[in-house]
Protein backbone atom coordinates (compact mmCIF):
# COMPACT_ATOMS: atom_id res chain seq x y z
CA UNK A 1 48.57 -8.81 14.68
CA UNK A 2 46.68 -9.68 18.06
CA UNK A 3 42.71 -7.81 18.60
CA UNK A 4 42.69 -6.00 21.71
CA UNK A 5 42.12 -8.08 24.82
CA UNK A 6 38.29 -5.62 25.46
CA UNK A 7 36.21 -4.07 22.80
CA UNK A 8 33.10 -3.03 23.12
CA UNK A 9 30.05 -4.53 21.41
CA UNK A 10 28.96 -1.99 18.34
CA UNK A 11 25.13 -2.65 19.46
CA UNK A 12 24.45 -2.91 23.45
CA UNK A 13 28.28 -1.48 24.39
CA UNK A 14 29.22 -3.74 26.82
CA UNK A 15 32.66 -4.42 27.13
CA UNK A 16 34.85 -7.87 26.67
CA UNK A 17 36.69 -10.11 25.03
CA UNK A 18 34.51 -10.25 22.09
CA UNK A 19 36.71 -11.53 19.33
CA UNK A 20 37.58 -14.51 21.22
CA UNK A 21 33.80 -15.93 20.72
CA UNK A 22 32.22 -16.92 17.57
CA UNK A 23 29.78 -13.53 17.49
CA UNK A 24 32.96 -11.15 17.62
CA UNK A 25 32.71 -8.19 17.53
CA UNK A 26 29.29 -8.71 18.83
CA UNK A 27 28.74 -10.13 22.16
CA UNK A 28 26.08 -12.63 21.30
CA UNK A 29 24.14 -13.34 18.25
CA UNK A 30 20.82 -10.95 19.81
CA UNK A 31 23.58 -7.91 19.07
CA UNK A 32 24.51 -9.62 15.81
CA UNK A 33 21.09 -10.03 14.46
CA UNK A 34 19.88 -6.43 15.60
CA UNK A 35 23.02 -4.89 13.64
CA UNK A 36 22.19 -6.84 10.78
CA UNK A 37 18.58 -5.74 11.14
CA UNK A 38 19.78 -1.78 11.20
CA UNK A 39 21.76 -2.75 7.50
CA UNK A 40 18.42 -3.82 6.21
CA UNK A 41 16.57 -1.33 7.34
CA UNK A 42 18.97 1.26 5.75
CA UNK A 43 19.98 3.03 9.67
CA UNK A 44 23.53 1.92 8.77
CA UNK A 45 24.65 2.73 5.19
CA UNK A 46 28.07 2.96 3.03
CA UNK A 47 28.23 6.85 2.77
CA UNK A 48 29.80 7.35 -0.75
CA UNK A 49 29.86 4.77 -3.36
CA UNK A 50 33.63 3.32 -3.31
CA UNK A 51 36.24 4.26 -6.19
CA UNK A 52 39.21 2.99 -7.56
CA UNK A 53 41.54 5.32 -4.63
CA UNK A 54 40.06 3.54 -2.14
CA UNK A 55 41.82 0.41 -3.10
CA UNK A 56 44.89 2.16 -4.13
CA UNK A 57 46.76 1.31 -0.97
CA UNK A 58 45.73 -2.79 -1.35
CA UNK A 59 47.55 -3.05 -5.17
CA UNK A 60 50.30 -4.48 -3.59
CA UNK A 61 48.79 -7.88 -1.44
CA UNK A 62 49.73 -11.19 -3.09
CA UNK A 63 46.85 -12.61 -5.05
CA UNK A 64 45.02 -15.55 -3.27
CA UNK A 65 41.24 -16.86 -1.67
CA UNK A 66 43.45 -17.03 1.80
CA UNK A 67 42.88 -13.19 1.76
CA UNK A 68 39.40 -13.80 2.36
CA UNK A 69 39.89 -16.33 4.98
CA UNK A 70 42.02 -14.61 7.65
CA UNK A 71 41.87 -17.22 9.92
CA UNK A 72 43.12 -19.88 7.45
CA UNK A 73 46.90 -20.56 7.06
CA UNK A 74 49.05 -19.87 4.43
CA UNK A 75 50.76 -22.60 2.27
């Protein structure tokens, strides 16, 4: 699955191909750190606790560490 060529930076809202860079989906390290600071200050938060039914659609995924690293190739 390919990523869209143009996305909006979640912090500054500039449009670009941010997933091609090392800070994606953010346009820069600054925007990435601003977002992280908002999580630390609890300006962003998960609205409700996760429940088992939230994971139901992922039950059939094969096990493996590769699922945590989307850039790793399967062997």
